[in-house]
Amino acid sequence: MQENKCDATSVHHLQGISPSASVALSHEKVHLDPEEWNRRYKTSLQKYSNIRLSVRNEFALAALSMHSMIARAFDILEQHFKHTYFNP
């Protein structure tokens, strides 16, 4: 049975990055100093946090909008039934 191997070069190649650029990217990662790693990590973490907050806000706005539309629909139905069935 053949084993699937997945290294940085093959992943970069699948992403459209040439093998030589992939090797350069791999070497770049090795030569970063700890401060640069820390800065990149914090930047990535902040971007992820901002995206997560944005998505949460969008869902909250959508839920609020849906709730108000449903409430309005029930108000319309209530008025319709009152007018249709309970109007002397």
PDB file of N, CA and C in Angstrom:
ATOM      1  N   MET A   1       0.845  -1.173   0.000  1.00  0.00           N
ATOM      2  CA  MET A   1       0.000   0.000   0.000  1.00  0.00           C
ATOM      3  C   MET A   1       0.895   1.242   0.000  1.00  0.00           C
ATOM      4  N   GLN A   2       0.528   2.243  -0.793  1.00  0.00           N
ATOM      5  CA  GLN A   2       1.354   3.439  -0.935  1.00  0.00           C
ATOM      6  C   GLN A   2       0.962   4.467   0.125  1.00  0.00           C
ATOM      7  N   GLU A   3       1.970   5.032   0.770  1.00  0.00           N
ATOM      8  CA  GLU A   3       1.731   6.022   1.813  1.00  0.00           C
ATOM      9  C   GLU A   3       1.721   7.413   1.195  1.00  0.00           C
ATOM     10  N   ASN A   4       0.755   8.241   1.593  1.00  0.00           N
ATOM     11  CA  ASN A   4       0.681   9.614   1.104  1.00  0.00           C
ATOM     12  C   ASN A   4       1.636  10.480   1.907  1.00  0.00           C
ATOM     13  N   LYS A   5       2.499  11.194   1.198  1.00  0.00           N
ATOM     14  CA  LYS A   5       3.428  12.116   1.856  1.00  0.00           C
ATOM     15  C   LYS A   5       3.011  13.541   1.536  1.00  0.00           C
ATOM     16  N   CYS A   6       3.037  14.377   2.536  1.00  0.00           N
ATOM     17  CA  CYS A   6       2.651  15.781   2.351  1.00  0.00           C
ATOM     18  C   CYS A   6       3.682  16.647   3.063  1.00  0.00           C
ATOM     19  N   ASP A   7       4.529  17.317   2.305  1.00  0.00           N
ATOM     20  CA  ASP A   7       5.496  18.229   2.900  1.00  0.00           C
ATOM     21  C   ASP A   7       5.204  19.649   2.430  1.00  0.00           C
ATOM     22  N   ALA A   8       5.978  20.589   2.920  1.00  0.00           N
ATOM     23  CA  ALA A   8       5.738  21.998   2.585  1.00  0.00           C
ATOM     24  C   ALA A   8       5.848  22.250   1.089  1.00  0.00           C
ATOM     25  N   THR A   9       6.799  21.573   0.428  1.00  0.00           N
ATOM     26  CA  THR A   9       6.981  21.792  -1.010  1.00  0.00           C
ATOM     27  C   THR A   9       5.748  21.339  -1.784  1.00  0.00           C
ATOM     28  N   SER A  10       5.193  20.169  -1.440  1.00  0.00           N
ATOM     29  CA  SER A  10       4.025  19.680  -2.180  1.00  0.00           C
ATOM     30  C   SER A  10       2.803  20.542  -1.891  1.00  0.00           C
ATOM     31  N   VAL A  11       2.650  21.006  -0.651  1.00  0.00           N
ATOM     32  CA  VAL A  11       1.519  21.865  -0.322  1.00  0.00           C
ATOM     33  C   VAL A  11       1.620  23.192  -1.070  1.00  0.00           C
ATOM     34  N   HIS A  12       2.827  23.783  -1.093  1.00  0.00           N
ATOM     35  CA  HIS A  12       3.000  25.045  -1.812  1.00  0.00           C
ATOM     36  C   HIS A  12       2.788  24.849  -3.305  1.00  0.00           C
ATOM     37  N   HIS A  13       3.199  23.699  -3.818  1.00  0.00           N
ATOM     38  CA  HIS A  13       2.995  23.436  -5.239  1.00  0.00           C
ATOM     39  C   HIS A  13       1.504  23.358  -5.553  1.00  0.00           C
ATOM     40  N   LEU A  14       0.726  22.726  -4.673  1.00  0.00           N
ATOM     41  CA  LEU A  14      -0.719  22.649  -4.872  1.00  0.00           C
ATOM     42  C   LEU A  14      -1.366  24.032  -4.784  1.00  0.00           C
ATOM     43  N   GLN A  15      -0.760  24.922  -4.007  1.00  0.00           N
ATOM     44  CA  GLN A  15      -1.302  26.273  -3.878  1.00  0.00           C
ATOM     45  C   GLN A  15      -0.853  27.187  -5.008  1.00  0.00           C
ATOM     46  N   GLY A  16      -0.074  26.655  -5.944  1.00  0.00           N
ATOM     47  CA  GLY A  16       0.363  27.447  -7.083  1.00  0.00           C
ATOM     48  C   GLY A  16       1.691  28.148  -6.865  1.00  0.00           C
ATOM     49  N   ILE A  17       2.407  27.762  -5.830  1.00  0.00           N
ATOM     50  CA  ILE A  17       3.713  28.348  -5.562  1.00  0.00           C
ATOM     51  C   ILE A  17       4.759  27.401  -6.141  1.00  0.00           C
ATOM     52  N   SER A  18       5.705  27.942  -6.883  1.00  0.00           N
ATOM     53  CA  SER A  18       6.719  27.101  -7.516  1.00  0.00           C
ATOM     54  C   SER A  18       7.573  26.407  -6.463  1.00  0.00           C
ATOM     55  N   PRO A  19       8.125  25.228  -6.801  1.00  0.00           N
ATOM     56  CA  PRO A  19       8.965  24.505  -5.837  1.00  0.00           C
ATOM     57  C   PRO A  19      10.154  25.332  -5.338  1.00  0.00           C
ATOM     58  N   SER A  20      10.770  26.146  -6.204  1.00  0.00           N
ATOM     59  CA  SER A  20      11.915  26.944  -5.754  1.00  0.00           C
ATOM     60  C   SER A  20      11.461  28.016  -4.759  1.00  0.00           C
ATOM     61  N   ALA A  21      10.290  28.599  -5.002  1.00  0.00           N
ATOM     62  CA  ALA A  21       9.759  29.585  -4.048  1.00  0.00           C
ATOM     63  C   ALA A  21       9.369  28.890  -2.751  1.00  0.00           C
ATOM     64  N   SER A  22       8.891  27.665  -2.872  1.00  0.00           N
ATOM     65  CA  SER A  22       8.523  26.904  -1.689  1.00  0.00           C
ATOM     66  C   SER A  22       9.730  26.651  -0.807  1.00  0.00           C
ATOM     67  N   VAL A  23      10.850  26.290  -1.430  1.00  0.00           N
ATOM     68  CA  VAL A  23      12.085  26.068  -0.673  1.00  0.00           C
ATOM     69  C   VAL A  23      12.522  27.367  -0.011  1.00  0.00           C
ATOM     70  N   ALA A  24      12.372  28.476  -0.730  1.00  0.00           N
ATOM     71  CA  ALA A  24      12.735  29.775  -0.157  1.00  0.00           C
ATOM     72  C   ALA A  24      11.839  30.091   1.038  1.00  0.00           C
ATOM     73  N   LEU A  25      10.544  29.788   0.927  1.00  0.00           N
ATOM     74  CA  LEU A  25       9.638  30.026   2.045  1.00  0.00           C
ATOM     75  C   LEU A  25      10.016  29.169   3.248  1.00  0.00           C
ATOM     76  N   SER A  26      10.370  27.910   2.988  1.00  0.00           N
ATOM     77  CA  SER A  26      10.766  27.020   4.074  1.00  0.00           C
ATOM     78  C   SER A  26      12.027  27.528   4.751  1.00  0.00           C
ATOM     79  N   HIS A  27      12.992  27.996   3.969  1.00  0.00           N
ATOM     80  CA  HIS A  27      14.228  28.518   4.545  1.00  0.00           C
ATOM     81  C   HIS A  27      13.974  29.803   5.321  1.00  0.00           C
ATOM     82  N   GLU A  28      13.027  30.617   4.826  1.00  0.00           N
ATOM     83  CA  GLU A  28      12.714  31.860   5.526  1.00  0.00           C
ATOM     84  C   GLU A  28      12.198  31.552   6.926  1.00  0.00           C
ATOM     85  N   LYS A  29      11.379  30.531   7.055  1.00  0.00           N
ATOM     86  CA  LYS A  29      10.821  30.170   8.354  1.00  0.00           C
ATOM     87  C   LYS A  29      11.917  29.767   9.336  1.00  0.00           C
ATOM     88  N   VAL A  30      12.938  29.082   8.842  1.00  0.00           N
ATOM     89  CA  VAL A  30      14.009  28.600   9.705  1.00  0.00           C
ATOM     90  C   VAL A  30      14.826  29.755  10.267  1.00  0.00           C
ATOM     91  N   HIS A  31      15.017  30.809   9.495  1.00  0.00           N
ATOM     92  CA  HIS A  31      15.929  31.885   9.888  1.00  0.00           C
ATOM     93  C   HIS A  31      15.260  33.035  10.636  1.00  0.00           C
ATOM     94  N   LEU A  32      13.977  32.916  10.974  1.00  0.00           N
ATOM     95  CA  LEU A  32      13.330  33.999  11.718  1.00  0.00           C
ATOM     96  C   LEU A  32      13.790  33.986  13.176  1.00  0.00           C
ATOM     97  N   ASP A  33      14.023  35.169  13.694  1.00  0.00           N
ATOM     98  CA  ASP A  33      14.402  35.246  15.102  1.00  0.00           C
ATOM     99  C   ASP A  33      13.155  35.180  15.980  1.00  0.00           C
ATOM    100  N   PRO A  34      13.304  34.889  17.260  1.00  0.00           N
ATOM    101  CA  PRO A  34      12.139  34.723  18.147  1.00  0.00           C
ATOM    102  C   PRO A  34      11.245  35.961  18.215  1.00  0.00           C
ATOM    103  N   GLU A  35      11.823  37.143  18.158  1.00  0.00           N
ATOM    104  CA  GLU A  35      10.999  38.362  18.198  1.00  0.00           C
ATOM    105  C   GLU A  35      10.097  38.464  16.969  1.00  0.00           C
ATOM    106  N   GLU A  36      10.651  38.080  15.807  1.00  0.00           N
ATOM    107  CA  GLU A  36       9.856  38.121  14.569  1.00  0.00           C
ATOM    108  C   GLU A  36       8.736  37.080  14.624  1.00  0.00           C
ATOM    109  N   TRP A  37       9.044  35.891  15.115  1.00  0.00           N
ATOM    110  CA  TRP A  37       8.005  34.860  15.285  1.00  0.00           C
ATOM    111  C   TRP A  37       6.914  35.382  16.200  1.00  0.00           C
ATOM    112  N   ASN A  38       7.310  35.991  17.309  1.00  0.00           N
ATOM    113  CA  ASN A  38       6.353  36.514  18.270  1.00  0.00           C
ATOM    114  C   ASN A  38       5.488  37.601  17.641  1.00  0.00           C
ATOM    115  N   ARG A  39       6.098  38.508  16.888  1.00  0.00           N
ATOM    116  CA  ARG A  39       5.348  39.580  16.239  1.00  0.00           C
ATOM    117  C   ARG A  39       4.350  39.019  15.234  1.00  0.00           C
ATOM    118  N   ARG A  40       4.807  38.059  14.413  1.00  0.00           N
ATOM    119  CA  ARG A  40       3.904  37.455  13.420  1.00  0.00           C
ATOM    120  C   ARG A  40       2.769  36.693  14.087  1.00  0.00           C
ATOM    121  N   TYR A  41       3.093  36.001  15.180  1.00  0.00           N
ATOM    122  CA  TYR A  41       2.064  35.244  15.902  1.00  0.00           C
ATOM    123  C   TYR A  41       1.007  36.193  16.463  1.00  0.00           C
ATOM    124  N   LYS A  42       1.441  37.275  17.094  1.00  0.00           N
ATOM    125  CA  LYS A  42       0.495  38.232  17.670  1.00  0.00           C
ATOM    126  C   LYS A  42      -0.353  38.898  16.593  1.00  0.00           C
ATOM    127  N   THR A  43       0.270  39.219  15.458  1.00  0.00           N
ATOM    128  CA  THR A  43      -0.480  39.819  14.353  1.00  0.00           C
ATOM    129  C   THR A  43      -1.534  38.856  13.830  1.00  0.00           C
ATOM    130  N   SER A  44      -1.150  37.595  13.639  1.00  0.00           N
ATOM    131  CA  SER A  44      -2.093  36.585  13.156  1.00  0.00           C
ATOM    132  C   SER A  44      -3.220  36.371  14.149  1.00  0.00           C
ATOM    133  N   LEU A  45      -2.872  36.323  15.427  1.00  0.00           N
ATOM    134  CA  LEU A  45      -3.878  36.128  16.467  1.00  0.00           C
ATOM    135  C   LEU A  45      -4.864  37.291  16.490  1.00  0.00           C
ATOM    136  N   GLN A  46      -4.367  38.518  16.323  1.00  0.00           N
ATOM    137  CA  GLN A  46      -5.231  39.694  16.318  1.00  0.00           C
ATOM    138  C   GLN A  46      -6.168  39.670  15.096  1.00  0.00           C
ATOM    139  N   LYS A  47      -5.631  39.292  13.925  1.00  0.00           N
ATOM    140  CA  LYS A  47      -6.465  39.202  12.727  1.00  0.00           C
ATOM    141  C   LYS A  47      -7.561  38.165  12.914  1.00  0.00           C
ATOM    142  N   TYR A  48      -7.203  36.999  13.480  1.00  0.00           N
ATOM    143  CA  TYR A  48      -8.184  35.944  13.717  1.00  0.00           C
ATOM    144  C   TYR A  48      -9.257  36.431  14.681  1.00  0.00           C
ATOM    145  N   SER A  49      -8.840  37.114  15.746  1.00  0.00           N
ATOM    146  CA  SER A  49      -9.783  37.620  16.738  1.00  0.00           C
ATOM    147  C   SER A  49     -10.739  38.632  16.105  1.00  0.00           C
ATOM    148  N   ASN A  50     -10.216  39.518  15.268  1.00  0.00           N
ATOM    149  CA  ASN A  50     -11.060  40.515  14.590  1.00  0.00           C
ATOM    150  C   ASN A  50     -12.068  39.857  13.662  1.00  0.00           C
ATOM    151  N   ILE A  51     -11.634  38.834  12.930  1.00  0.00           N
ATOM    152  CA  ILE A  51     -12.533  38.127  12.017  1.00  0.00           C
ATOM    153  C   ILE A  51     -13.633  37.418  12.811  1.00  0.00           C
ATOM    154  N   ARG A  52     -13.235  36.766  13.906  1.00  0.00           N
ATOM    155  CA  ARG A  52     -14.200  36.055  14.734  1.00  0.00           C
ATOM    156  C   ARG A  52     -15.240  37.010  15.315  1.00  0.00           C
ATOM    157  N   LEU A  53     -14.798  38.160  15.784  1.00  0.00           N
ATOM    158  CA  LEU A  53     -15.706  39.160  16.335  1.00  0.00           C
ATOM    159  C   LEU A  53     -16.645  39.687  15.255  1.00  0.00           C
ATOM    160  N   SER A  54     -16.118  39.918  14.070  1.00  0.00           N
ATOM    161  CA  SER A  54     -16.930  40.415  12.967  1.00  0.00           C
ATOM    162  C   SER A  54     -18.020  39.412  12.582  1.00  0.00           C
ATOM    163  N   VAL A  55     -17.647  38.140  12.509  1.00  0.00           N
ATOM    164  CA  VAL A  55     -18.622  37.099  12.161  1.00  0.00           C
ATOM    165  C   VAL A  55     -19.690  36.998  13.245  1.00  0.00           C
ATOM    166  N   ARG A  56     -19.272  37.061  14.503  1.00  0.00           N
ATOM    167  CA  ARG A  56     -20.235  36.989  15.605  1.00  0.00           C
ATOM    168  C   ARG A  56     -21.207  38.161  15.530  1.00  0.00           C
ATOM    169  N   ASN A  57     -20.707  39.364  15.239  1.00  0.00           N
ATOM    170  CA  ASN A  57     -21.579  40.534  15.126  1.00  0.00           C
ATOM    171  C   ASN A  57     -22.558  40.397  13.974  1.00  0.00           C
ATOM    172  N   GLU A  58     -22.081  39.859  12.842  1.00  0.00           N
ATOM    173  CA  GLU A  58     -22.968  39.670  11.692  1.00  0.00           C
ATOM    174  C   GLU A  58     -24.099  38.690  12.027  1.00  0.00           C
ATOM    175  N   PHE A  59     -23.774  37.597  12.723  1.00  0.00           N
ATOM    176  CA  PHE A  59     -24.807  36.637  13.115  1.00  0.00           C
ATOM    177  C   PHE A  59     -25.793  37.258  14.090  1.00  0.00           C
ATOM    178  N   ALA A  60     -25.295  38.075  15.013  1.00  0.00           N
ATOM    179  CA  ALA A  60     -26.184  38.728  15.972  1.00  0.00           C
ATOM    180  C   ALA A  60     -27.135  39.688  15.256  1.00  0.00           C
ATOM    181  N   LEU A  61     -26.612  40.445  14.301  1.00  0.00           N
ATOM    182  CA  LEU A  61     -27.475  41.361  13.539  1.00  0.00           C
ATOM    183  C   LEU A  61     -28.507  40.600  12.713  1.00  0.00           C
ATOM    184  N   ALA A  62     -28.091  39.496  12.110  1.00  0.00           N
ATOM    185  CA  ALA A  62     -29.026  38.689  11.322  1.00  0.00           C
ATOM    186  C   ALA A  62     -30.120  38.105  12.210  1.00  0.00           C
ATOM    187  N   ALA A  63     -29.751  37.618  13.381  1.00  0.00           N
ATOM    188  CA  ALA A  63     -30.738  37.046  14.307  1.00  0.00           C
ATOM    189  C   ALA A  63     -31.718  38.118  14.778  1.00  0.00           C
ATOM    190  N   LEU A  64     -31.205  39.290  15.086  1.00  0.00           N
ATOM    191  CA  LEU A  64     -32.077  40.380  15.520  1.00  0.00           C
ATOM    192  C   LEU A  64     -33.032  40.795  14.407  1.00  0.00           C
ATOM    193  N   SER A  65     -32.517  40.876  13.201  1.00  0.00           N
ATOM    194  CA  SER A  65     -33.346  41.237  12.059  1.00  0.00           C
ATOM    195  C   SER A  65     -34.427  40.178  11.812  1.00  0.00           C
ATOM    196  N   MET A  66     -34.030  38.903  11.886  1.00  0.00           N
ATOM    197  CA  MET A  66     -34.997  37.822  11.681  1.00  0.00           C
ATOM    198  C   MET A  66     -36.063  37.846  12.770  1.00  0.00           C
ATOM    199  N   HIS A  67     -35.645  38.098  14.008  1.00  0.00           N
ATOM    200  CA  HIS A  67     -36.594  38.156  15.114  1.00  0.00           C
ATOM    201  C   HIS A  67     -37.605  39.270  14.890  1.00  0.00           C
ATOM    202  N   SER A  68     -37.144  40.441  14.459  1.00  0.00           N
ATOM    203  CA  SER A  68     -38.065  41.547  14.243  1.00  0.00           C
ATOM    204  C   SER A  68     -39.002  41.281  13.063  1.00  0.00           C
ATOM    205  N   MET A  69     -38.497  40.613  12.019  1.00  0.00           N
ATOM    206  CA  MET A  69     -39.366  40.278  10.878  1.00  0.00           C
ATOM    207  C   MET A  69     -40.443  39.282  11.295  1.00  0.00           C
ATOM    208  N   ILE A  70     -40.080  38.293  12.101  1.00  0.00           N
ATOM    209  CA  ILE A  70     -41.064  37.300  12.556  1.00  0.00           C
ATOM    210  C   ILE A  70     -42.102  37.958  13.455  1.00  0.00           C
ATOM    211  N   ALA A  71     -41.639  38.829  14.345  1.00  0.00           N
ATOM    212  CA  ALA A  71     -42.571  39.535  15.229  1.00  0.00           C
ATOM    213  C   ALA A  71     -43.534  40.394  14.414  1.00  0.00           C
ATOM    214  N   ARG A  72     -43.022  41.063  13.408  1.00  0.00           N
ATOM    215  CA  ARG A  72     -43.881  41.889  12.543  1.00  0.00           C
ATOM    216  C   ARG A  72     -44.885  41.022  11.779  1.00  0.00           C
ATOM    217  N   ALA A  73     -44.443  39.865  11.307  1.00  0.00           N
ATOM    218  CA  ALA A  73     -45.342  38.959  10.590  1.00  0.00           C
ATOM    219  C   ALA A  73     -46.476  38.488  11.497  1.00  0.00           C
ATOM    220  N   PHE A  74     -46.160  38.158  12.749  1.00  0.00           N
ATOM    221  CA  PHE A  74     -47.215  37.748  13.679  1.00  0.00           C
ATOM    222  C   PHE A  74     -48.158  38.900  13.987  1.00  0.00           C
ATOM    223  N   ASP A  75     -47.641  40.111  14.078  1.00  0.00           N
ATOM    224  CA  ASP A  75     -48.514  41.273  14.280  1.00  0.00           C
ATOM    225  C   ASP A  75     -49.479  41.441  13.114  1.00  0.00           C
ATOM    226  N   ILE A  76     -48.996  41.267  11.910  1.00  0.00           N
ATOM    227  CA  ILE A  76     -49.843  41.387  10.720  1.00  0.00           C
ATOM    228  C   ILE A  76     -50.907  40.295  10.717  1.00  0.00           C
ATOM    229  N   LEU A  77     -50.492  39.051  11.029  1.00  0.00           N
ATOM    230  CA  LEU A  77     -51.469  37.950  11.083  1.00  0.00           C
ATOM    231  C   LEU A  77     -52.521  38.192  12.165  1.00  0.00           C
ATOM    232  N   GLU A  78     -52.094  38.681  13.310  1.00  0.00           N
ATOM    233  CA  GLU A  78     -53.030  38.949  14.393  1.00  0.00           C
ATOM    234  C   GLU A  78     -54.052  40.001  13.971  1.00  0.00           C
ATOM    235  N   GLN A  79     -53.584  41.071  13.340  1.00  0.00           N
ATOM    236  CA  GLN A  79     -54.493  42.113  12.869  1.00  0.00           C
ATOM    237  C   GLN A  79     -55.451  41.566  11.811  1.00  0.00           C
ATOM    238  N   HIS A  80     -54.930  40.719  10.929  1.00  0.00           N
ATOM    239  CA  HIS A  80     -55.764  40.130   9.878  1.00  0.00           C
ATOM    240  C   HIS A  80     -56.877  39.267  10.486  1.00  0.00           C
ATOM    241  N   PHE A  81     -56.522  38.393  11.439  1.00  0.00           N
ATOM    242  CA  PHE A  81     -57.528  37.519  12.041  1.00  0.00           C
ATOM    243  C   PHE A  81     -58.530  38.302  12.873  1.00  0.00           C
ATOM    244  N   LYS A  82     -58.052  39.328  13.577  1.00  0.00           N
ATOM    245  CA  LYS A  82     -58.983  40.162  14.345  1.00  0.00           C
ATOM    246  C   LYS A  82     -59.974  40.848  13.414  1.00  0.00           C
ATOM    247  N   HIS A  83     -59.467  41.365  12.306  1.00  0.00           N
ATOM    248  CA  HIS A  83     -60.320  42.075  11.356  1.00  0.00           C
ATOM    249  C   HIS A  83     -61.277  41.103  10.653  1.00  0.00           C
ATOM    250  N   THR A  84     -60.781  39.913  10.295  1.00  0.00           N
ATOM    251  CA  THR A  84     -61.580  38.967   9.533  1.00  0.00           C
ATOM    252  C   THR A  84     -62.609  38.234  10.385  1.00  0.00           C
ATOM    253  N   TYR A  85     -62.217  37.747  11.538  1.00  0.00           N
ATOM    254  CA  TYR A  85     -63.086  36.855  12.308  1.00  0.00           C
ATOM    255  C   TYR A  85     -63.761  37.507  13.502  1.00  0.00           C
ATOM    256  N   PHE A  86     -63.264  38.613  13.980  1.00  0.00           N
ATOM    257  CA  PHE A  86     -63.838  39.201  15.186  1.00  0.00           C
ATOM    258  C   PHE A  86     -64.424  40.584  14.955  1.00  0.00           C
ATOM    259  N   ASN A  87     -64.590  40.977  13.710  1.00  0.00           N
ATOM    260  CA  ASN A  87     -65.154  42.279  13.398  1.00  0.00           C
ATOM    261  C   ASN A  87     -66.671  42.110  13.239  1.00  0.00           C
ATOM    262  N   PRO A  88     -67.445  42.751  14.117  1.00  0.00           N
ATOM    263  CA  PRO A  88     -68.912  42.557  14.037  1.00  0.00           C
ATOM    264  C   PRO A  88     -69.547  43.222  12.835  1.00  0.00           C
TER     265      PRO A  88
END
